[in-house]
Amino acid sequence: MKKLLTTITVSILCLVVMLTSCAETPKHVSGAKFQLEYRMGTRQTMHQSEYIGEKDGKFYLRRKSMPLLYKRKWNEEIWYTEAEELEPSLLKQLRKEAKTFGKPKSVAK
């Protein structure tokens, strides 16, 4: 009976983990929070941030966090903010950075 209960509990926990990890929708954050995380980038211990790009006036950032228990897999979130929430100097820098990322690769025919 105890083994059956353990098996059911583990199965339910696995299902919960799978469902919560698959539901990744971008999270809106303030311009100030976005800017701070962008500037910290990879110079953090338990977090890393990477600018992804711009689409429809929204700027996106990938933020990874190292969990305390299972250190082999990082948790990942996508953050976004609106263009009007960002400082003009950062807005200019992000658009310039996007152009360097967006260079098309040559495709052999």
PDB file of N, CA and C in Angstrom:
ATOM      1  N   MET A   1       0.823  -1.189   0.000  1.00  0.00           N
ATOM      2  CA  MET A   1       0.000   0.000   0.000  1.00  0.00           C
ATOM      3  C   MET A   1       0.875   1.264   0.000  1.00  0.00           C
ATOM      4  N   LYS A   2       1.937   1.222   0.796  1.00  0.00           N
ATOM      5  CA  LYS A   2       2.831   2.376   0.881  1.00  0.00           C
ATOM      6  C   LYS A   2       3.523   2.614  -0.462  1.00  0.00           C
ATOM      7  N   LYS A   3       3.900   1.541  -1.146  1.00  0.00           N
ATOM      8  CA  LYS A   3       4.558   1.657  -2.451  1.00  0.00           C
ATOM      9  C   LYS A   3       3.611   2.253  -3.486  1.00  0.00           C
ATOM     10  N   LEU A   4       2.348   1.871  -3.449  1.00  0.00           N
ATOM     11  CA  LEU A   4       1.345   2.410  -4.366  1.00  0.00           C
ATOM     12  C   LEU A   4       1.151   3.903  -4.125  1.00  0.00           C
ATOM     13  N   LEU A   5       1.072   4.292  -2.871  1.00  0.00           N
ATOM     14  CA  LEU A   5       0.907   5.702  -2.521  1.00  0.00           C
ATOM     15  C   LEU A   5       2.107   6.530  -2.980  1.00  0.00           C
ATOM     16  N   THR A   6       3.307   5.997  -2.809  1.00  0.00           N
ATOM     17  CA  THR A   6       4.521   6.677  -3.255  1.00  0.00           C
ATOM     18  C   THR A   6       4.532   6.828  -4.773  1.00  0.00           C
ATOM     19  N   THR A   7       4.146   5.787  -5.482  1.00  0.00           N
ATOM     20  CA  THR A   7       4.108   5.828  -6.945  1.00  0.00           C
ATOM     21  C   THR A   7       3.110   6.873  -7.435  1.00  0.00           C
ATOM     22  N   ILE A   8       1.948   6.924  -6.821  1.00  0.00           N
ATOM     23  CA  ILE A   8       0.931   7.912  -7.205  1.00  0.00           C
ATOM     24  C   ILE A   8       1.424   9.325  -6.923  1.00  0.00           C
ATOM     25  N   THR A   9       2.034   9.537  -5.769  1.00  0.00           N
ATOM     26  CA  THR A   9       2.545  10.859  -5.402  1.00  0.00           C
ATOM     27  C   THR A   9       3.626  11.330  -6.368  1.00  0.00           C
ATOM     28  N   VAL A  10       4.546  10.451  -6.701  1.00  0.00           N
ATOM     29  CA  VAL A  10       5.620  10.803  -7.637  1.00  0.00           C
ATOM     30  C   VAL A  10       5.043  11.105  -9.011  1.00  0.00           C
ATOM     31  N   SER A  11       4.060  10.338  -9.447  1.00  0.00           N
ATOM     32  CA  SER A  11       3.428  10.571 -10.748  1.00  0.00           C
ATOM     33  C   SER A  11       2.739  11.931 -10.796  1.00  0.00           C
ATOM     34  N   ILE A  12       2.048  12.271  -9.733  1.00  0.00           N
ATOM     35  CA  ILE A  12       1.362  13.561  -9.679  1.00  0.00           C
ATOM     36  C   ILE A  12       2.378  14.708  -9.686  1.00  0.00           C
ATOM     37  N   LEU A  13       3.443  14.562  -8.924  1.00  0.00           N
ATOM     38  CA  LEU A  13       4.477  15.604  -8.906  1.00  0.00           C
ATOM     39  C   LEU A  13       5.119  15.794 -10.277  1.00  0.00           C
ATOM     40  N   CYS A  14       5.394  14.695 -10.975  1.00  0.00           N
ATOM     41  CA  CYS A  14       5.967  14.787 -12.322  1.00  0.00           C
ATOM     42  C   CYS A  14       5.021  15.500 -13.267  1.00  0.00           C
ATOM     43  N   LEU A  15       3.743  15.201 -13.177  1.00  0.00           N
ATOM     44  CA  LEU A  15       2.736  15.842 -14.023  1.00  0.00           C
ATOM     45  C   LEU A  15       2.669  17.345 -13.752  1.00  0.00           C
ATOM     46  N   VAL A  16       2.696  17.728 -12.489  1.00  0.00           N
ATOM     47  CA  VAL A  16       2.661  19.151 -12.123  1.00  0.00           C
ATOM     48  C   VAL A  16       3.885  19.876 -12.668  1.00  0.00           C
ATOM     49  N   VAL A  17       5.048  19.279 -12.532  1.00  0.00           N
ATOM     50  CA  VAL A  17       6.280  19.890 -13.043  1.00  0.00           C
ATOM     51  C   VAL A  17       6.210  20.054 -14.553  1.00  0.00           C
ATOM     52  N   MET A  18       5.738  19.049 -15.257  1.00  0.00           N
ATOM     53  CA  MET A  18       5.638  19.124 -16.719  1.00  0.00           C
ATOM     54  C   MET A  18       4.669  20.218 -17.146  1.00  0.00           C
ATOM     55  N   LEU A  19       3.529  20.311 -16.500  1.00  0.00           N
ATOM     56  CA  LEU A  19       2.527  21.303 -16.880  1.00  0.00           C
ATOM     57  C   LEU A  19       2.983  22.724 -16.596  1.00  0.00           C
ATOM     58  N   THR A  20       3.652  22.931 -15.481  1.00  0.00           N
ATOM     59  CA  THR A  20       4.096  24.289 -15.162  1.00  0.00           C
ATOM     60  C   THR A  20       5.287  24.715 -15.998  1.00  0.00           C
ATOM     61  N   SER A  21       6.130  23.792 -16.422  1.00  0.00           N
ATOM     62  CA  SER A  21       7.296  24.169 -17.216  1.00  0.00           C
ATOM     63  C   SER A  21       6.940  24.421 -18.667  1.00  0.00           C
ATOM     64  N   CYS A  22       5.850  23.860 -19.160  1.00  0.00           N
ATOM     65  CA  CYS A  22       5.456  24.039 -20.556  1.00  0.00           C
ATOM     66  C   CYS A  22       4.697  25.341 -20.781  1.00  0.00           C
ATOM     67  N   ALA A  23       4.130  25.897 -19.750  1.00  0.00           N
ATOM     68  CA  ALA A  23       3.319  27.103 -19.883  1.00  0.00           C
ATOM     69  C   ALA A  23       4.209  28.331 -19.795  1.00  0.00           C
ATOM     70  N   GLU A  24       4.974  28.599 -20.846  1.00  0.00           N
ATOM     71  CA  GLU A  24       5.884  29.729 -20.834  1.00  0.00           C
ATOM     72  C   GLU A  24       5.320  30.851 -21.682  1.00  0.00           C
ATOM     73  N   THR A  25       4.747  31.841 -21.009  1.00  0.00           N
ATOM     74  CA  THR A  25       4.291  33.030 -21.703  1.00  0.00           C
ATOM     75  C   THR A  25       5.179  34.176 -21.235  1.00  0.00           C
ATOM     76  N   PRO A  26       5.489  35.102 -22.116  1.00  0.00           N
ATOM     77  CA  PRO A  26       6.345  36.227 -21.714  1.00  0.00           C
ATOM     78  C   PRO A  26       5.720  37.014 -20.557  1.00  0.00           C
ATOM     79  N   LYS A  27       6.562  37.457 -19.657  1.00  0.00           N
ATOM     80  CA  LYS A  27       6.131  38.190 -18.472  1.00  0.00           C
ATOM     81  C   LYS A  27       6.451  39.666 -18.664  1.00  0.00           C
ATOM     82  N   HIS A  28       5.440  40.522 -18.501  1.00  0.00           N
ATOM     83  CA  HIS A  28       5.663  41.958 -18.625  1.00  0.00           C
ATOM     84  C   HIS A  28       6.335  42.477 -17.363  1.00  0.00           C
ATOM     85  N   VAL A  29       7.405  43.248 -17.535  1.00  0.00           N
ATOM     86  CA  VAL A  29       8.094  43.899 -16.413  1.00  0.00           C
ATOM     87  C   VAL A  29       8.234  45.386 -16.725  1.00  0.00           C
ATOM     88  N   SER A  30       8.491  46.161 -15.723  1.00  0.00           N
ATOM     89  CA  SER A  30       8.662  47.604 -15.916  1.00  0.00           C
ATOM     90  C   SER A  30       9.941  47.880 -16.702  1.00  0.00           C
ATOM     91  N   GLY A  31      10.003  49.043 -17.298  1.00  0.00           N
ATOM     92  CA  GLY A  31      11.193  49.432 -18.043  1.00  0.00           C
ATOM     93  C   GLY A  31      12.428  49.483 -17.153  1.00  0.00           C
ATOM     94  N   ALA A  32      12.247  49.944 -15.922  1.00  0.00           N
ATOM     95  CA  ALA A  32      13.377  50.041 -14.979  1.00  0.00           C
ATOM     96  C   ALA A  32      13.913  48.648 -14.626  1.00  0.00           C
ATOM     97  N   LYS A  33      13.013  47.709 -14.385  1.00  0.00           N
ATOM     98  CA  LYS A  33      13.434  46.345 -14.043  1.00  0.00           C
ATOM     99  C   LYS A  33      14.119  45.672 -15.236  1.00  0.00           C
ATOM    100  N   PHE A  34      13.560  45.878 -16.432  1.00  0.00           N
ATOM    101  CA  PHE A  34      14.146  45.342 -17.663  1.00  0.00           C
ATOM    102  C   PHE A  34      15.553  45.888 -17.860  1.00  0.00           C
ATOM    103  N   GLN A  35      15.696  47.199 -17.695  1.00  0.00           N
ATOM    104  CA  GLN A  35      16.983  47.863 -17.882  1.00  0.00           C
ATOM    105  C   GLN A  35      18.017  47.356 -16.887  1.00  0.00           C
ATOM    106  N   LEU A  36      17.642  47.196 -15.629  1.00  0.00           N
ATOM    107  CA  LEU A  36      18.571  46.698 -14.614  1.00  0.00           C
ATOM    108  C   LEU A  36      19.023  45.279 -14.952  1.00  0.00           C
ATOM    109  N   GLU A  37      18.092  44.420 -15.319  1.00  0.00           N
ATOM    110  CA  GLU A  37      18.434  43.032 -15.649  1.00  0.00           C
ATOM    111  C   GLU A  37      19.295  42.965 -16.905  1.00  0.00           C
ATOM    112  N   TYR A  38      18.991  43.790 -17.896  1.00  0.00           N
ATOM    113  CA  TYR A  38      19.781  43.830 -19.132  1.00  0.00           C
ATOM    114  C   TYR A  38      21.228  44.241 -18.839  1.00  0.00           C
ATOM    115  N   ARG A  39      21.394  45.243 -18.008  1.00  0.00           N
ATOM    116  CA  ARG A  39      22.742  45.729 -17.701  1.00  0.00           C
ATOM    117  C   ARG A  39      23.539  44.738 -16.850  1.00  0.00           C
ATOM    118  N   MET A  40      22.855  43.950 -16.013  1.00  0.00           N
ATOM    119  CA  MET A  40      23.542  42.937 -15.199  1.00  0.00           C
ATOM    120  C   MET A  40      24.003  41.778 -16.079  1.00  0.00           C
ATOM    121  N   GLY A  41      23.218  41.420 -17.074  1.00  0.00           N
ATOM    122  CA  GLY A  41      23.594  40.381 -18.029  1.00  0.00           C
ATOM    123  C   GLY A  41      24.069  39.097 -17.387  1.00  0.00           C
ATOM    124  N   THR A  42      25.294  38.697 -17.705  1.00  0.00           N
ATOM    125  CA  THR A  42      25.851  37.446 -17.185  1.00  0.00           C
ATOM    126  C   THR A  42      26.792  37.681 -16.003  1.00  0.00           C
ATOM    127  N   ARG A  43      26.809  38.884 -15.478  1.00  0.00           N
ATOM    128  CA  ARG A  43      27.704  39.188 -14.350  1.00  0.00           C
ATOM    129  C   ARG A  43      27.056  38.864 -13.006  1.00  0.00           C
ATOM    130  N   GLN A  44      26.094  37.978 -12.999  1.00  0.00           N
ATOM    131  CA  GLN A  44      25.395  37.597 -11.783  1.00  0.00           C
ATOM    132  C   GLN A  44      25.757  36.162 -11.409  1.00  0.00           C
ATOM    133  N   THR A  45      25.529  35.798 -10.177  1.00  0.00           N
ATOM    134  CA  THR A  45      25.878  34.460  -9.720  1.00  0.00           C
ATOM    135  C   THR A  45      24.790  33.446 -10.036  1.00  0.00           C
ATOM    136  N   MET A  46      23.573  33.715  -9.643  1.00  0.00           N
ATOM    137  CA  MET A  46      22.484  32.754  -9.785  1.00  0.00           C
ATOM    138  C   MET A  46      21.539  33.083 -10.939  1.00  0.00           C
ATOM    139  N   HIS A  47      21.802  34.164 -11.663  1.00  0.00           N
ATOM    140  CA  HIS A  47      20.942  34.588 -12.770  1.00  0.00           C
ATOM    141  C   HIS A  47      21.796  34.965 -13.974  1.00  0.00           C
ATOM    142  N   GLN A  48      21.219  34.817 -15.154  1.00  0.00           N
ATOM    143  CA  GLN A  48      21.840  35.295 -16.383  1.00  0.00           C
ATOM    144  C   GLN A  48      20.748  35.904 -17.240  1.00  0.00           C
ATOM    145  N   SER A  49      21.080  36.967 -17.937  1.00  0.00           N
ATOM    146  CA  SER A  49      20.119  37.616 -18.817  1.00  0.00           C
ATOM    147  C   SER A  49      20.718  37.808 -20.191  1.00  0.00           C
ATOM    148  N   GLU A  50      19.868  37.654 -21.201  1.00  0.00           N
ATOM    149  CA  GLU A  50      20.309  37.781 -22.586  1.00  0.00           C
ATOM    150  C   GLU A  50      19.218  38.495 -23.375  1.00  0.00           C
ATOM    151  N   TYR A  51      19.590  39.563 -24.065  1.00  0.00           N
ATOM    152  CA  TYR A  51      18.647  40.297 -24.897  1.00  0.00           C
ATOM    153  C   TYR A  51      18.290  39.451 -26.115  1.00  0.00           C
ATOM    154  N   ILE A  52      16.989  39.312 -26.387  1.00  0.00           N
ATOM    155  CA  ILE A  52      16.536  38.496 -27.513  1.00  0.00           C
ATOM    156  C   ILE A  52      16.243  39.354 -28.738  1.00  0.00           C
ATOM    157  N   GLY A  53      15.484  40.436 -28.546  1.00  0.00           N
ATOM    158  CA  GLY A  53      15.169  41.292 -29.683  1.00  0.00           C
ATOM    159  C   GLY A  53      13.892  42.080 -29.471  1.00  0.00           C
ATOM    160  N   GLU A  54      13.445  42.717 -30.564  1.00  0.00           N
ATOM    161  CA  GLU A  54      12.275  43.576 -30.537  1.00  0.00           C
ATOM    162  C   GLU A  54      11.238  43.063 -31.523  1.00  0.00           C
ATOM    163  N   LYS A  55       9.974  43.151 -31.131  1.00  0.00           N
ATOM    164  CA  LYS A  55       8.884  42.808 -32.041  1.00  0.00           C
ATOM    165  C   LYS A  55       7.661  43.614 -31.635  1.00  0.00           C
ATOM    166  N   ASP A  56       7.106  44.339 -32.581  1.00  0.00           N
ATOM    167  CA  ASP A  56       5.886  45.128 -32.375  1.00  0.00           C
ATOM    168  C   ASP A  56       5.989  46.108 -31.204  1.00  0.00           C
ATOM    169  N   GLY A  57       7.129  46.772 -31.067  1.00  0.00           N
ATOM    170  CA  GLY A  57       7.302  47.767 -30.018  1.00  0.00           C
ATOM    171  C   GLY A  57       7.575  47.199 -28.640  1.00  0.00           C
ATOM    172  N   LYS A  58       7.784  45.886 -28.568  1.00  0.00           N
ATOM    173  CA  LYS A  58       8.108  45.243 -27.297  1.00  0.00           C
ATOM    174  C   LYS A  58       9.524  44.690 -27.380  1.00  0.00           C
ATOM    175  N   PHE A  59      10.263  44.826 -26.286  1.00  0.00           N
ATOM    176  CA  PHE A  59      11.641  44.355 -26.225  1.00  0.00           C
ATOM    177  C   PHE A  59      11.697  43.153 -25.284  1.00  0.00           C
ATOM    178  N   TYR A  60      12.368  42.094 -25.744  1.00  0.00           N
ATOM    179  CA  TYR A  60      12.362  40.811 -25.035  1.00  0.00           C
ATOM    180  C   TYR A  60      13.737  40.457 -24.497  1.00  0.00           C
ATOM    181  N   LEU A  61      13.726  39.808 -23.328  1.00  0.00           N
ATOM    182  CA  LEU A  61      14.929  39.415 -22.617  1.00  0.00           C
ATOM    183  C   LEU A  61      14.721  37.997 -22.087  1.00  0.00           C
ATOM    184  N   ARG A  62      15.720  37.137 -22.253  1.00  0.00           N
ATOM    185  CA  ARG A  62      15.670  35.792 -21.681  1.00  0.00           C
ATOM    186  C   ARG A  62      16.405  35.835 -20.347  1.00  0.00           C
ATOM    187  N   ARG A  63      15.732  35.415 -19.281  1.00  0.00           N
ATOM    188  CA  ARG A  63      16.322  35.441 -17.941  1.00  0.00           C
ATOM    189  C   ARG A  63      16.376  34.020 -17.405  1.00  0.00           C
ATOM    190  N   LYS A  64      17.566  33.571 -17.058  1.00  0.00           N
ATOM    191  CA  LYS A  64      17.754  32.229 -16.522  1.00  0.00           C
ATOM    192  C   LYS A  64      18.131  32.331 -15.051  1.00  0.00           C
ATOM    193  N   SER A  65      17.598  31.404 -14.253  1.00  0.00           N
ATOM    194  CA  SER A  65      17.892  31.352 -12.817  1.00  0.00           C
ATOM    195  C   SER A  65      18.311  29.941 -12.448  1.00  0.00           C
ATOM    196  N   MET A  66      19.324  29.833 -11.614  1.00  0.00           N
ATOM    197  CA  MET A  66      19.756  28.525 -11.138  1.00  0.00           C
ATOM    198  C   MET A  66      18.930  28.156  -9.909  1.00  0.00           C
ATOM    199  N   PRO A  67      18.256  27.019  -9.949  1.00  0.00           N
ATOM    200  CA  PRO A  67      17.475  26.605  -8.781  1.00  0.00           C
ATOM    201  C   PRO A  67      18.392  26.165  -7.640  1.00  0.00           C
ATOM    202  N   LEU A  68      17.874  26.198  -6.445  1.00  0.00           N
ATOM    203  CA  LEU A  68      18.671  25.821  -5.284  1.00  0.00           C
ATOM    204  C   LEU A  68      18.880  24.310  -5.178  1.00  0.00           C
ATOM    205  N   LEU A  69      17.884  23.518  -5.612  1.00  0.00           N
ATOM    206  CA  LEU A  69      17.981  22.080  -5.420  1.00  0.00           C
ATOM    207  C   LEU A  69      18.572  21.338  -6.613  1.00  0.00           C
ATOM    208  N   TYR A  70      18.026  21.517  -7.797  1.00  0.00           N
ATOM    209  CA  TYR A  70      18.462  20.761  -8.968  1.00  0.00           C
ATOM    210  C   TYR A  70      19.296  21.677  -9.847  1.00  0.00           C
ATOM    211  N   LYS A  71      20.600  21.675  -9.657  1.00  0.00           N
ATOM    212  CA  LYS A  71      21.474  22.667 -10.284  1.00  0.00           C
ATOM    213  C   LYS A  71      21.877  22.335 -11.714  1.00  0.00           C
ATOM    214  N   ARG A  72      21.416  21.212 -12.242  1.00  0.00           N
ATOM    215  CA  ARG A  72      21.783  20.860 -13.619  1.00  0.00           C
ATOM    216  C   ARG A  72      20.912  21.542 -14.656  1.00  0.00           C
ATOM    217  N   LYS A  73      19.730  21.972 -14.283  1.00  0.00           N
ATOM    218  CA  LYS A  73      18.804  22.583 -15.239  1.00  0.00           C
ATOM    219  C   LYS A  73      18.400  23.966 -14.737  1.00  0.00           C
ATOM    220  N   TRP A  74      18.647  24.975 -15.542  1.00  0.00           N
ATOM    221  CA  TRP A  74      18.298  26.343 -15.192  1.00  0.00           C
ATOM    222  C   TRP A  74      16.822  26.583 -15.482  1.00  0.00           C
ATOM    223  N   ASN A  75      16.181  27.394 -14.655  1.00  0.00           N
ATOM    224  CA  ASN A  75      14.821  27.854 -14.929  1.00  0.00           C
ATOM    225  C   ASN A  75      14.937  29.022 -15.903  1.00  0.00           C
ATOM    226  N   GLU A  76      13.978  29.137 -16.794  1.00  0.00           N
ATOM    227  CA  GLU A  76      14.048  30.182 -17.817  1.00  0.00           C
ATOM    228  C   GLU A  76      12.727  30.920 -17.918  1.00  0.00           C
ATOM    229  N   GLU A  77      12.810  32.243 -18.021  1.00  0.00           N
ATOM    230  CA  GLU A  77      11.645  33.095 -18.223  1.00  0.00           C
ATOM    231  C   GLU A  77      11.938  34.044 -19.380  1.00  0.00           C
ATOM    232  N   ILE A  78      10.890  34.460 -20.050  1.00  0.00           N
ATOM    233  CA  ILE A  78      11.012  35.502 -21.070  1.00  0.00           C
ATOM    234  C   ILE A  78      10.325  36.738 -20.505  1.00  0.00           C
ATOM    235  N   TRP A  79      11.081  37.821 -20.431  1.00  0.00           N
ATOM    236  CA  TRP A  79      10.560  39.094 -19.951  1.00  0.00           C
ATOM    237  C   TRP A  79      10.416  40.033 -21.144  1.00  0.00           C
ATOM    238  N   TYR A  80       9.437  40.934 -21.063  1.00  0.00           N
ATOM    239  CA  TYR A  80       9.326  41.972 -22.079  1.00  0.00           C
ATOM    240  C   TYR A  80       8.876  43.279 -21.449  1.00  0.00           C
ATOM    241  N   THR A  81       9.168  44.360 -22.152  1.00  0.00           N
ATOM    242  CA  THR A  81       8.716  45.679 -21.746  1.00  0.00           C
ATOM    243  C   THR A  81       8.388  46.472 -23.007  1.00  0.00           C
ATOM    244  N   GLU A  82       7.615  47.502 -22.839  1.00  0.00           N
ATOM    245  CA  GLU A  82       7.211  48.361 -23.956  1.00  0.00           C
ATOM    246  C   GLU A  82       8.302  49.389 -24.247  1.00  0.00           C
ATOM    247  N   ALA A  83       8.390  49.811 -25.494  1.00  0.00           N
ATOM    248  CA  ALA A  83       9.420  50.778 -25.903  1.00  0.00           C
ATOM    249  C   ALA A  83       9.313  52.083 -25.136  1.00  0.00           C
ATOM    250  N   GLU A  84       8.074  52.530 -24.866  1.00  0.00           N
ATOM    251  CA  GLU A  84       7.921  53.820 -24.181  1.00  0.00           C
ATOM    252  C   GLU A  84       8.356  53.780 -22.719  1.00  0.00           C
ATOM    253  N   GLU A  85       8.556  52.590 -22.162  1.00  0.00           N
ATOM    254  CA  GLU A  85       8.999  52.464 -20.774  1.00  0.00           C
ATOM    255  C   GLU A  85      10.527  52.523 -20.640  1.00  0.00           C
ATOM    256  N   LEU A  86      11.234  52.481 -21.752  1.00  0.00           N
ATOM    257  CA  LEU A  86      12.696  52.455 -21.721  1.00  0.00           C
ATOM    258  C   LEU A  86      13.278  53.851 -21.917  1.00  0.00           C
ATOM    259  N   GLU A  87      14.455  54.062 -21.344  1.00  0.00           N
ATOM    260  CA  GLU A  87      15.166  55.323 -21.547  1.00  0.00           C
ATOM    261  C   GLU A  87      15.603  55.413 -23.003  1.00  0.00           C
ATOM    262  N   PRO A  88      15.601  56.608 -23.604  1.00  0.00           N
ATOM    263  CA  PRO A  88      15.989  56.753 -25.005  1.00  0.00           C
ATOM    264  C   PRO A  88      17.378  56.211 -25.326  1.00  0.00           C
ATOM    265  N   SER A  89      18.343  56.373 -24.410  1.00  0.00           N
ATOM    266  CA  SER A  89      19.700  55.876 -24.674  1.00  0.00           C
ATOM    267  C   SER A  89      19.722  54.345 -24.733  1.00  0.00           C
ATOM    268  N   LEU A  90      18.983  53.684 -23.844  1.00  0.00           N
ATOM    269  CA  LEU A  90      18.923  52.220 -23.858  1.00  0.00           C
ATOM    270  C   LEU A  90      18.160  51.742 -25.086  1.00  0.00           C
ATOM    271  N   LEU A  91      17.114  52.440 -25.434  1.00  0.00           N
ATOM    272  CA  LEU A  91      16.325  52.088 -26.620  1.00  0.00           C
ATOM    273  C   LEU A  91      17.202  52.105 -27.869  1.00  0.00           C
ATOM    274  N   LYS A  92      18.016  53.123 -27.989  1.00  0.00           N
ATOM    275  CA  LYS A  92      18.934  53.239 -29.124  1.00  0.00           C
ATOM    276  C   LYS A  92      19.955  52.095 -29.115  1.00  0.00           C
ATOM    277  N   GLN A  93      20.488  51.777 -27.940  1.00  0.00           N
ATOM    278  CA  GLN A  93      21.472  50.703 -27.806  1.00  0.00           C
ATOM    279  C   GLN A  93      20.859  49.342 -28.167  1.00  0.00           C
ATOM    280  N   LEU A  94      19.640  49.081 -27.721  1.00  0.00           N
ATOM    281  CA  LEU A  94      18.982  47.806 -28.016  1.00  0.00           C
ATOM    282  C   LEU A  94      18.716  47.655 -29.507  1.00  0.00           C
ATOM    283  N   ARG A  95      18.287  48.725 -30.146  1.00  0.00           N
ATOM    284  CA  ARG A  95      18.025  48.649 -31.592  1.00  0.00           C
ATOM    285  C   ARG A  95      19.315  48.452 -32.375  1.00  0.00           C
ATOM    286  N   LYS A  96      20.399  49.051 -31.920  1.00  0.00           N
ATOM    287  CA  LYS A  96      21.700  48.867 -32.561  1.00  0.00           C
ATOM    288  C   LYS A  96      22.176  47.427 -32.383  1.00  0.00           C
ATOM    289  N   GLU A  97      21.991  46.890 -31.187  1.00  0.00           N
ATOM    290  CA  GLU A  97      22.395  45.511 -30.899  1.00  0.00           C
ATOM    291  C   GLU A  97      21.582  44.526 -31.730  1.00  0.00           C
ATOM    292  N   ALA A  98      20.314  44.814 -31.937  1.00  0.00           N
ATOM    293  CA  ALA A  98      19.462  43.930 -32.736  1.00  0.00           C
ATOM    294  C   ALA A  98      19.947  43.856 -34.177  1.00  0.00           C
ATOM    295  N   LYS A  99      20.472  44.953 -34.694  1.00  0.00           N
ATOM    296  CA  LYS A  99      20.974  44.954 -36.073  1.00  0.00           C
ATOM    297  C   LYS A  99      22.208  44.065 -36.208  1.00  0.00           C
ATOM    298  N   THR A 100      23.041  44.011 -35.173  1.00  0.00           N
ATOM    299  CA  THR A 100      24.226  43.159 -35.262  1.00  0.00           C
ATOM    300  C   THR A 100      23.847  41.684 -35.159  1.00  0.00           C
ATOM    301  N   PHE A 101      22.770  41.369 -34.410  1.00  0.00           N
ATOM    302  CA  PHE A 101      22.307  39.991 -34.310  1.00  0.00           C
ATOM    303  C   PHE A 101      21.610  39.549 -35.586  1.00  0.00           C
ATOM    304  N   GLY A 102      20.977  40.484 -36.275  1.00  0.00           N
ATOM    305  CA  GLY A 102      20.109  40.140 -37.387  1.00  0.00           C
ATOM    306  C   GLY A 102      20.777  39.977 -38.721  1.00  0.00           C
ATOM    307  N   LYS A 103      22.090  39.896 -38.781  1.00  0.00           N
ATOM    308  CA  LYS A 103      22.765  39.715 -40.062  1.00  0.00           C
ATOM    309  C   LYS A 103      22.426  38.344 -40.640  1.00  0.00           C
ATOM    310  N   PRO A 104      21.909  38.307 -41.872  1.00  0.00           N
ATOM    311  CA  PRO A 104      21.535  36.998 -42.442  1.00  0.00           C
ATOM    312  C   PRO A 104      22.747  36.169 -42.797  1.00  0.00           C
ATOM    313  N   LYS A 105      22.621  34.866 -42.587  1.00  0.00           N
ATOM    314  CA  LYS A 105      23.679  33.935 -42.960  1.00  0.00           C
ATOM    315  C   LYS A 105      23.529  33.592 -44.434  1.00  0.00           C
ATOM    316  N   SER A 106      24.644  33.412 -45.102  1.00  0.00           N
ATOM    317  CA  SER A 106      24.563  33.041 -46.513  1.00  0.00           C
ATOM    318  C   SER A 106      24.177  31.582 -46.619  1.00  0.00           C
ATOM    319  N   VAL A 107      23.295  31.310 -47.548  1.00  0.00           N
ATOM    320  CA  VAL A 107      22.807  29.945 -47.734  1.00  0.00           C
ATOM    321  C   VAL A 107      23.361  29.424 -49.054  1.00  0.00           C
ATOM    322  N   ALA A 108      24.017  28.281 -49.010  1.00  0.00           N
ATOM    323  CA  ALA A 108      24.573  27.681 -50.229  1.00  0.00           C
ATOM    324  C   ALA A 108      23.452  27.041 -51.025  1.00  0.00           C
ATOM    325  N   LYS A 109      23.474  27.267 -52.354  1.00  0.00           N
ATOM    326  CA  LYS A 109      22.442  26.674 -53.227  1.00  0.00           C
ATOM    327  C   LYS A 109      22.970  25.483 -53.965  1.00  0.00           C
TER     328      LYS A 109
END
